Amino acid sequence: MFMLTGESPKMLDYHIWPWFERIEMVERLDSGVDILPKDKFPKLNSWVVHMKEYPAVRASMVGTAQLVKFFESMHKKDGIPDYDIGLEE
């Protein structure tokens, strides 16, 4: 299994993960954009898939739909982001 720092995730993997977690949101908001084409970045795509399998990552992941909703709330006319998106009622 490919990790940036060895066979299992280390601090570097966990520190850069949030940036990669948001890639799906960017691709969804800007349809037609493929930030990480599988043919050009096979190892990095493999890393993303494997990171999603780790319990610590799964427990802290924010869903793409929630990220999109938050991003859209930042760009409303009033300019006030909805920081409560994703909180249980």
Protein backbone atom coordinates (compact mmCIF):
# COMPACT_ATOMS: atom_id res chain seq x y z
CA MET A 1 0.00 0.00 0.00
CA PHE A 2 1.33 3.41 -0.96
CA MET A 3 1.57 6.02 1.77
CA LEU A 4 3.66 9.15 1.49
CA THR A 5 5.83 8.15 4.43
CA GLY A 6 5.82 4.35 4.46
CA GLU A 7 3.42 1.46 4.80
CA SER A 8 0.95 3.19 7.11
CA PRO A 9 -0.14 6.83 7.42
CA LYS A 10 2.06 9.13 9.43
CA MET A 11 1.71 12.80 10.37
CA LEU A 12 2.51 14.03 6.86
CA ASP A 13 -0.31 11.92 5.40
CA TYR A 14 -2.79 13.19 7.98
CA HIS A 15 -1.67 16.81 7.66
CA ILE A 16 -2.14 17.05 3.92
CA TRP A 17 -5.28 14.87 3.81
CA PRO A 18 -7.79 17.75 4.30
CA TRP A 19 -6.57 19.39 1.09
CA PHE A 20 -7.26 16.21 -0.86
CA GLU A 21 -10.57 15.66 0.91
CA ARG A 22 -11.76 18.91 -0.67
CA ILE A 23 -10.78 18.04 -4.24
CA GLU A 24 -14.12 16.34 -4.90
CA MET A 25 -15.89 19.53 -3.83
CA VAL A 26 -13.86 21.65 -6.25
CA GLU A 27 -14.50 19.19 -9.07
CA ARG A 28 -18.22 19.23 -8.32
CA LEU A 29 -18.44 23.04 -8.14
CA ASP A 30 -16.40 23.52 -11.28
CA SER A 31 -17.84 20.71 -13.40
CA GLY A 32 -15.56 19.39 -16.07
CA VAL A 33 -12.41 19.94 -14.04
CA ASP A 34 -10.38 16.84 -13.21
CA ILE A 35 -7.76 17.96 -10.71
CA LEU A 36 -6.16 14.55 -10.25
CA PRO A 37 -6.48 12.64 -13.53
CA LYS A 38 -5.93 8.95 -12.77
CA ASP A 39 -3.69 8.46 -15.79
CA LYS A 40 -1.34 11.27 -14.71
CA PHE A 41 -1.37 10.72 -10.94
CA PRO A 42 -1.94 6.99 -10.32
CA LYS A 43 0.00 6.84 -7.04
CA LEU A 44 -1.65 9.93 -5.62
CA ASN A 45 -5.10 8.60 -6.54
CA SER A 46 -4.20 5.30 -4.89
CA TRP A 47 -3.12 7.21 -1.78
CA VAL A 48 -6.49 9.02 -1.65
CA VAL A 49 -8.37 5.72 -1.90
CA HIS A 50 -6.27 4.15 0.86
CA MET A 51 -6.50 7.17 3.15
CA LYS A 52 -10.30 6.93 3.02
CA GLU A 53 -10.00 3.39 4.44
CA TYR A 54 -8.29 4.43 7.69
CA PRO A 55 -10.56 4.73 10.76
CA ALA A 56 -9.18 8.12 11.84
CA VAL A 57 -9.81 9.55 8.38
CA ARG A 58 -13.29 8.01 8.09
CA ALA A 59 -14.24 9.35 11.53
CA SER A 60 -13.23 12.90 10.69
CA MET A 61 -14.21 13.15 7.02
CA VAL A 62 -16.60 15.86 5.94
CA GLY A 63 -18.87 14.75 3.14
CA THR A 64 -18.56 16.38 -0.27
CA ALA A 65 -22.20 17.50 -0.11
CA GLN A 66 -21.57 19.30 3.20
CA LEU A 67 -18.45 20.96 1.82
CA VAL A 68 -20.38 22.17 -1.23
CA LYS A 69 -23.20 23.53 0.97
CA PHE A 70 -20.72 25.38 3.17
CA PHE A 71 -18.84 26.83 0.20
CA GLU A 72 -22.10 28.01 -1.32
CA SER A 73 -23.16 29.57 1.99
CA MET A 74 -19.95 31.65 1.96
CA HIS A 75 -20.94 33.13 -1.38
CA LYS A 76 -24.52 34.13 -0.58
CA LYS A 77 -25.56 37.75 -0.94
CA ASP A 78 -25.28 38.40 2.79
CA GLY A 79 -21.75 36.93 2.84
CA ILE A 80 -22.34 35.14 6.14
CA PRO A 81 -21.16 31.51 6.06
CA ASP A 82 -23.31 28.87 7.72
CA TYR A 83 -20.88 27.34 10.19
CA ASP A 84 -23.55 24.95 11.46
CA ILE A 85 -23.77 22.87 8.27
CA GLY A 86 -23.28 19.24 9.20
CA LEU A 87 -24.13 19.61 12.88
CA GLU A 88 -26.83 17.33 14.14
CA GLU A 89 -30.01 19.06 15.15
